[in-house]
Amino acid sequence: MATNRLNRINEDILRELCVLLPKVKDPRVQQGMVTVTAVETTGDLRYAKVYLSFLEEVNERELRRGLKSAAPWLRRELGSALTLRYTPELVFERDRSIEKGARLSRLIDEVVSGEGAHEEHHDED
């Protein structure tokens, strides 16, 4: 369970990465709208898992390569912006929660519209 300090560090890293990602010059990173949705830092501050969401279709493989290439620069910039004993190594993961939420919403809409059609059918009997 994350402590308050760790939560603050996660929020600080998230905020800084939101500012830094658009500054990355690598075209692989700039190929679409990429959003940092969450950051989870390990208790020893050695690693930070950065969750990303994509608004558009992107070449995820190329994006990962671009982020891996930009990670040392991002880490250095984070280190200068945040006052931490260790600047965590960044590990990028795709956040699929928005996609899952949209899918669930679509399924609920289908069920609701299906019930409406089903109720109309019973009313005619």
N, C-alpha and C. Protein backbone atom coordinates (compact mmCIF):
# COMPACT_ATOMS: atom_id res chain seq x y z
N MET A 1 0.84 -1.17 0.00
CA MET A 1 0.00 0.00 0.00
C MET A 1 0.88 1.23 0.00
N ALA A 2 0.58 2.19 -0.85
CA ALA A 2 1.39 3.39 -0.99
C ALA A 2 1.16 4.34 0.17
N THR A 3 2.23 4.93 0.63
CA THR A 3 2.13 5.90 1.70
C THR A 3 1.80 7.26 1.12
N ASN A 4 1.51 8.22 1.99
CA ASN A 4 1.22 9.57 1.51
C ASN A 4 2.41 10.14 0.76
N ARG A 5 3.61 9.91 1.28
CA ARG A 5 4.82 10.41 0.63
C ARG A 5 4.96 9.81 -0.76
N LEU A 6 4.76 8.51 -0.86
CA LEU A 6 4.86 7.84 -2.16
C LEU A 6 3.78 8.33 -3.12
N ASN A 7 2.58 8.57 -2.60
CA ASN A 7 1.52 9.14 -3.44
C ASN A 7 1.90 10.51 -3.98
N ARG A 8 2.50 11.34 -3.12
CA ARG A 8 2.94 12.67 -3.56
C ARG A 8 4.03 12.56 -4.62
N ILE A 9 4.96 11.64 -4.42
CA ILE A 9 6.03 11.44 -5.40
C ILE A 9 5.43 10.97 -6.73
N ASN A 10 4.49 10.04 -6.68
CA ASN A 10 3.82 9.57 -7.90
C ASN A 10 3.15 10.72 -8.63
N GLU A 11 2.45 11.59 -7.89
CA GLU A 11 1.78 12.73 -8.50
C GLU A 11 2.78 13.72 -9.09
N ASP A 12 3.89 13.93 -8.39
CA ASP A 12 4.93 14.85 -8.89
C ASP A 12 5.55 14.33 -10.18
N ILE A 13 5.83 13.03 -10.20
CA ILE A 13 6.41 12.43 -11.41
C ILE A 13 5.41 12.52 -12.56
N LEU A 14 4.15 12.22 -12.28
CA LEU A 14 3.10 12.29 -13.31
C LEU A 14 3.02 13.71 -13.88
N ARG A 15 2.99 14.69 -13.00
CA ARG A 15 2.88 16.09 -13.43
C ARG A 15 4.08 16.48 -14.30
N GLU A 16 5.27 16.12 -13.88
CA GLU A 16 6.48 16.47 -14.64
C GLU A 16 6.51 15.76 -15.99
N LEU A 17 6.13 14.49 -16.01
CA LEU A 17 6.13 13.75 -17.28
C LEU A 17 5.12 14.32 -18.26
N CYS A 18 4.00 14.81 -17.75
CA CYS A 18 3.00 15.44 -18.63
C CYS A 18 3.58 16.68 -19.31
N VAL A 19 4.48 17.35 -18.63
CA VAL A 19 5.14 18.53 -19.21
C VAL A 19 6.28 18.11 -20.13
N LEU A 20 7.01 17.06 -19.76
CA LEU A 20 8.19 16.66 -20.50
C LEU A 20 7.90 15.87 -21.78
N LEU A 21 6.88 15.02 -21.78
CA LEU A 21 6.62 14.18 -22.95
C LEU A 21 6.43 14.97 -24.24
N PRO A 22 5.68 16.07 -24.23
CA PRO A 22 5.56 16.82 -25.48
C PRO A 22 6.88 17.44 -25.96
N LYS A 23 7.86 17.55 -25.08
CA LYS A 23 9.16 18.13 -25.44
C LYS A 23 10.12 17.12 -26.04
N VAL A 24 9.76 15.84 -25.99
CA VAL A 24 10.61 14.81 -26.58
C VAL A 24 10.60 14.99 -28.09
N LYS A 25 11.78 15.08 -28.68
CA LYS A 25 11.89 15.37 -30.11
C LYS A 25 11.75 14.14 -31.01
N ASP A 26 11.77 12.97 -30.42
CA ASP A 26 11.68 11.73 -31.18
C ASP A 26 10.31 11.61 -31.84
N PRO A 27 10.25 11.51 -33.16
CA PRO A 27 8.95 11.42 -33.85
C PRO A 27 8.15 10.17 -33.47
N ARG A 28 8.83 9.14 -33.00
CA ARG A 28 8.11 7.93 -32.58
C ARG A 28 7.24 8.21 -31.36
N VAL A 29 7.67 9.15 -30.52
CA VAL A 29 6.91 9.50 -29.32
C VAL A 29 5.82 10.50 -29.67
N GLN A 30 6.05 11.31 -30.69
CA GLN A 30 5.10 12.35 -31.06
C GLN A 30 4.09 11.91 -32.11
N GLN A 31 3.96 10.62 -32.36
CA GLN A 31 3.10 10.13 -33.44
C GLN A 31 1.60 10.23 -33.14
N GLY A 32 1.22 10.44 -31.93
CA GLY A 32 -0.19 10.55 -31.58
C GLY A 32 -0.33 11.20 -30.23
N MET A 33 -1.55 11.34 -29.77
CA MET A 33 -1.78 11.96 -28.47
C MET A 33 -1.58 10.91 -27.38
N VAL A 34 -0.48 11.05 -26.65
CA VAL A 34 -0.13 10.12 -25.59
C VAL A 34 -0.34 10.84 -24.26
N THR A 35 -1.05 10.19 -23.34
CA THR A 35 -1.35 10.79 -22.05
C THR A 35 -0.83 9.90 -20.93
N VAL A 36 -0.20 10.51 -19.95
CA VAL A 36 0.22 9.78 -18.76
C VAL A 36 -0.98 9.72 -17.83
N THR A 37 -1.45 8.51 -17.53
CA THR A 37 -2.65 8.38 -16.70
C THR A 37 -2.34 8.09 -15.24
N ALA A 38 -1.20 7.45 -14.98
CA ALA A 38 -0.84 7.11 -13.60
C ALA A 38 0.64 6.77 -13.52
N VAL A 39 1.16 6.89 -12.31
CA VAL A 39 2.54 6.49 -12.04
C VAL A 39 2.53 5.70 -10.74
N GLU A 40 3.22 4.57 -10.73
CA GLU A 40 3.38 3.75 -9.52
C GLU A 40 4.86 3.57 -9.28
N THR A 41 5.34 4.14 -8.19
CA THR A 41 6.75 4.07 -7.85
C THR A 41 6.95 2.99 -6.78
N THR A 42 8.03 2.24 -6.91
CA THR A 42 8.34 1.24 -5.89
C THR A 42 8.75 1.94 -4.60
N GLY A 43 8.63 1.24 -3.50
CA GLY A 43 8.93 1.82 -2.19
C GLY A 43 10.35 2.32 -2.04
N ASP A 44 11.29 1.70 -2.75
CA ASP A 44 12.69 2.14 -2.66
C ASP A 44 13.03 3.22 -3.69
N LEU A 45 12.03 3.66 -4.45
CA LEU A 45 12.16 4.72 -5.46
C LEU A 45 13.13 4.37 -6.58
N ARG A 46 13.36 3.10 -6.81
CA ARG A 46 14.27 2.69 -7.88
C ARG A 46 13.58 2.60 -9.24
N TYR A 47 12.29 2.26 -9.23
CA TYR A 47 11.54 2.10 -10.48
C TYR A 47 10.21 2.82 -10.38
N ALA A 48 9.80 3.37 -11.51
CA ALA A 48 8.48 3.98 -11.60
C ALA A 48 7.80 3.42 -12.83
N LYS A 49 6.66 2.80 -12.63
CA LYS A 49 5.87 2.29 -13.74
C LYS A 49 4.96 3.42 -14.19
N VAL A 50 5.11 3.82 -15.45
CA VAL A 50 4.36 4.94 -16.01
C VAL A 50 3.30 4.36 -16.95
N TYR A 51 2.03 4.63 -16.64
CA TYR A 51 0.92 4.13 -17.45
C TYR A 51 0.52 5.19 -18.47
N LEU A 52 0.44 4.75 -19.73
CA LEU A 52 0.13 5.65 -20.84
C LEU A 52 -1.16 5.24 -21.52
N SER A 53 -1.89 6.24 -21.96
CA SER A 53 -3.11 6.01 -22.72
C SER A 53 -2.96 6.74 -24.05
N PHE A 54 -3.51 6.14 -25.12
CA PHE A 54 -3.41 6.73 -26.45
C PHE A 54 -4.80 7.10 -26.92
N LEU A 55 -4.96 8.34 -27.34
CA LEU A 55 -6.26 8.80 -27.82
C LEU A 55 -6.52 8.30 -29.23
N GLU A 56 -5.44 8.18 -30.00
CA GLU A 56 -5.56 7.75 -31.39
C GLU A 56 -4.82 6.43 -31.54
N GLU A 57 -4.96 5.82 -32.70
CA GLU A 57 -4.19 4.61 -32.98
C GLU A 57 -2.74 5.02 -33.22
N VAL A 58 -1.84 4.35 -32.54
CA VAL A 58 -0.42 4.61 -32.71
C VAL A 58 0.29 3.28 -32.93
N ASN A 59 1.48 3.36 -33.48
CA ASN A 59 2.30 2.17 -33.60
C ASN A 59 2.96 1.97 -32.24
N GLU A 60 2.36 1.11 -31.43
CA GLU A 60 2.79 0.94 -30.05
C GLU A 60 4.24 0.45 -29.95
N ARG A 61 4.63 -0.38 -30.86
CA ARG A 61 6.00 -0.91 -30.84
C ARG A 61 7.01 0.23 -31.04
N GLU A 62 6.75 1.08 -32.02
CA GLU A 62 7.64 2.22 -32.27
C GLU A 62 7.59 3.23 -31.13
N LEU A 63 6.41 3.43 -30.56
CA LEU A 63 6.28 4.33 -29.43
C LEU A 63 7.11 3.85 -28.26
N ARG A 64 7.05 2.56 -27.98
CA ARG A 64 7.85 1.99 -26.89
C ARG A 64 9.35 2.18 -27.15
N ARG A 65 9.76 1.97 -28.39
CA ARG A 65 11.17 2.17 -28.73
C ARG A 65 11.57 3.63 -28.52
N GLY A 66 10.70 4.54 -28.94
CA GLY A 66 10.99 5.96 -28.76
C GLY A 66 11.06 6.35 -27.29
N LEU A 67 10.15 5.81 -26.49
CA LEU A 67 10.15 6.11 -25.05
C LEU A 67 11.39 5.51 -24.38
N LYS A 68 11.77 4.31 -24.79
CA LYS A 68 12.97 3.69 -24.22
C LYS A 68 14.20 4.53 -24.56
N SER A 69 14.23 5.06 -25.77
CA SER A 69 15.33 5.90 -26.19
C SER A 69 15.35 7.23 -25.42
N ALA A 70 14.16 7.76 -25.12
CA ALA A 70 14.05 9.05 -24.44
C ALA A 70 14.12 8.93 -22.92
N ALA A 71 14.05 7.71 -22.40
CA ALA A 71 14.00 7.50 -20.94
C ALA A 71 15.17 8.12 -20.18
N PRO A 72 16.42 8.01 -20.66
CA PRO A 72 17.50 8.65 -19.91
C PRO A 72 17.34 10.17 -19.82
N TRP A 73 16.92 10.80 -20.91
CA TRP A 73 16.69 12.24 -20.89
C TRP A 73 15.54 12.59 -19.93
N LEU A 74 14.45 11.82 -20.02
CA LEU A 74 13.31 12.07 -19.12
C LEU A 74 13.72 11.90 -17.66
N ARG A 75 14.50 10.88 -17.39
CA ARG A 75 14.96 10.62 -16.02
C ARG A 75 15.85 11.76 -15.52
N ARG A 76 16.74 12.23 -16.38
CA ARG A 76 17.62 13.34 -16.01
C ARG A 76 16.81 14.60 -15.72
N GLU A 77 15.82 14.88 -16.56
CA GLU A 77 14.97 16.05 -16.35
C GLU A 77 14.15 15.91 -15.08
N LEU A 78 13.66 14.71 -14.81
CA LEU A 78 12.92 14.47 -13.57
C LEU A 78 13.83 14.70 -12.36
N GLY A 79 15.05 14.23 -12.47
CA GLY A 79 16.00 14.39 -11.37
C GLY A 79 16.28 15.85 -11.05
N SER A 80 16.33 16.69 -12.07
CA SER A 80 16.59 18.10 -11.82
C SER A 80 15.33 18.82 -11.33
N ALA A 81 14.16 18.31 -11.70
CA ALA A 81 12.91 18.97 -11.29
C ALA A 81 12.46 18.56 -9.90
N LEU A 82 12.75 17.32 -9.51
CA LEU A 82 12.29 16.80 -8.23
C LEU A 82 13.48 16.62 -7.28
N THR A 83 13.25 16.85 -6.02
CA THR A 83 14.33 16.66 -5.04
C THR A 83 14.15 15.30 -4.37
N LEU A 84 14.70 14.29 -5.02
CA LEU A 84 14.63 12.93 -4.51
C LEU A 84 16.05 12.38 -4.37
N ARG A 85 16.23 11.50 -3.43
CA ARG A 85 17.54 10.87 -3.28
C ARG A 85 17.87 10.06 -4.53
N TYR A 86 16.90 9.30 -5.02
CA TYR A 86 17.06 8.52 -6.24
C TYR A 86 16.01 8.95 -7.24
N THR A 87 16.41 9.07 -8.48
CA THR A 87 15.44 9.30 -9.54
C THR A 87 15.11 7.94 -10.12
N PRO A 88 13.86 7.55 -10.07
CA PRO A 88 13.51 6.18 -10.49
C PRO A 88 13.73 5.94 -11.98
N GLU A 89 14.05 4.69 -12.28
CA GLU A 89 14.13 4.26 -13.66
C GLU A 89 12.70 4.12 -14.17
N LEU A 90 12.43 4.63 -15.36
CA LEU A 90 11.07 4.66 -15.88
C LEU A 90 10.77 3.40 -16.69
N VAL A 91 9.63 2.79 -16.39
CA VAL A 91 9.13 1.63 -17.11
C VAL A 91 7.76 2.02 -17.65
N PHE A 92 7.59 1.96 -18.97
CA PHE A 92 6.35 2.42 -19.59
C PHE A 92 5.43 1.24 -19.87
N GLU A 93 4.15 1.40 -19.49
CA GLU A 93 3.12 0.39 -19.71
C GLU A 93 1.89 1.06 -20.33
N ARG A 94 1.18 0.31 -21.12
CA ARG A 94 -0.07 0.83 -21.69
C ARG A 94 -1.19 0.68 -20.68
N ASP A 95 -1.94 1.75 -20.48
CA ASP A 95 -3.09 1.74 -19.58
C ASP A 95 -4.33 1.44 -20.42
N ARG A 96 -4.89 0.30 -20.19
CA ARG A 96 -6.06 -0.12 -20.98
C ARG A 96 -7.38 0.15 -20.25
N SER A 97 -7.34 0.83 -19.13
CA SER A 97 -8.56 1.05 -18.36
C SER A 97 -9.58 1.90 -19.12
N ILE A 98 -9.13 2.88 -19.88
CA ILE A 98 -10.06 3.72 -20.65
C ILE A 98 -10.73 2.88 -21.73
N GLU A 99 -9.94 2.04 -22.41
CA GLU A 99 -10.51 1.16 -23.43
C GLU A 99 -11.52 0.20 -22.81
N LYS A 100 -11.18 -0.37 -21.66
CA LYS A 100 -12.09 -1.30 -20.99
C LYS A 100 -13.37 -0.58 -20.56
N GLY A 101 -13.22 0.64 -20.05
CA GLY A 101 -14.39 1.42 -19.65
C GLY A 101 -15.30 1.73 -20.82
N ALA A 102 -14.71 2.10 -21.95
CA ALA A 102 -15.50 2.38 -23.14
C ALA A 102 -16.22 1.12 -23.62
N ARG A 103 -15.53 -0.01 -23.57
CA ARG A 103 -16.15 -1.28 -23.98
C ARG A 103 -17.31 -1.64 -23.07
N LEU A 104 -17.10 -1.50 -21.75
CA LEU A 104 -18.19 -1.79 -20.81
C LEU A 104 -19.38 -0.86 -21.03
N SER A 105 -19.10 0.40 -21.27
CA SER A 105 -20.17 1.36 -21.53
C SER A 105 -20.96 0.97 -22.78
N ARG A 106 -20.23 0.56 -23.82
CA ARG A 106 -20.87 0.13 -25.06
C ARG A 106 -21.74 -1.11 -24.81
N LEU A 107 -21.23 -2.07 -24.03
CA LEU A 107 -22.00 -3.28 -23.72
C LEU A 107 -23.26 -2.95 -22.92
N ILE A 108 -23.12 -2.04 -21.96
CA ILE A 108 -24.28 -1.63 -21.16
C ILE A 108 -25.32 -0.97 -22.05
N ASP A 109 -24.86 -0.10 -22.96
CA ASP A 109 -25.78 0.55 -23.89
C ASP A 109 -26.51 -0.47 -24.76
N GLU A 110 -25.78 -1.50 -25.20
CA GLU A 110 -26.40 -2.54 -26.03
C GLU A 110 -27.45 -3.30 -25.24
N VAL A 111 -27.16 -3.62 -23.98
CA VAL A 111 -28.11 -4.35 -23.14
C VAL A 111 -29.35 -3.49 -22.89
N VAL A 112 -29.13 -2.22 -22.56
CA VAL A 112 -30.26 -1.32 -22.29
C VAL A 112 -31.12 -1.16 -23.54
N SER A 113 -30.49 -0.95 -24.70
CA SER A 113 -31.28 -0.80 -25.92
C SER A 113 -31.96 -2.12 -26.29
N GLY A 114 -31.33 -3.23 -25.98
CA GLY A 114 -31.94 -4.55 -26.22
C GLY A 114 -33.13 -4.78 -25.32
N GLU A 115 -33.05 -4.34 -24.05
CA GLU A 115 -34.18 -4.47 -23.13
C GLU A 115 -35.35 -3.62 -23.57
N GLY A 116 -35.03 -2.43 -24.07
CA GLY A 116 -36.09 -1.55 -24.56
C GLY A 116 -36.84 -2.19 -25.71
N ALA A 117 -36.13 -2.83 -26.63
CA ALA A 117 -36.76 -3.51 -27.76
C ALA A 117 -37.53 -4.72 -27.27
N HIS A 118 -36.98 -5.41 -26.26
CA HIS A 118 -37.63 -6.59 -25.71
C HIS A 118 -38.93 -6.20 -25.00
N GLU A 119 -38.93 -5.10 -24.24
CA GLU A 119 -40.13 -4.64 -23.54
C GLU A 119 -41.21 -4.21 -24.52
N GLU A 120 -40.80 -3.55 -25.63
CA GLU A 120 -41.78 -3.14 -26.63
C GLU A 120 -42.45 -4.36 -27.24
N HIS A 121 -41.69 -5.43 -27.44
CA HIS A 121 -42.22 -6.65 -28.01
C HIS A 121 -43.28 -7.26 -27.08
N HIS A 122 -43.04 -7.25 -25.76
CA HIS A 122 -44.00 -7.79 -24.80
C HIS A 122 -45.23 -6.92 -24.70
N ASP A 123 -45.10 -5.62 -24.87
CA ASP A 123 -46.27 -4.75 -24.77
C ASP A 123 -47.25 -4.99 -25.91
N GLU A 124 -46.75 -5.45 -27.07
CA GLU A 124 -47.64 -5.69 -28.21
C GLU A 124 -48.48 -6.95 -28.01
N ASP A 125 -48.04 -7.87 -27.16
CA ASP A 125 -48.78 -9.12 -26.93
C ASP A 125 -50.05 -8.93 -26.18
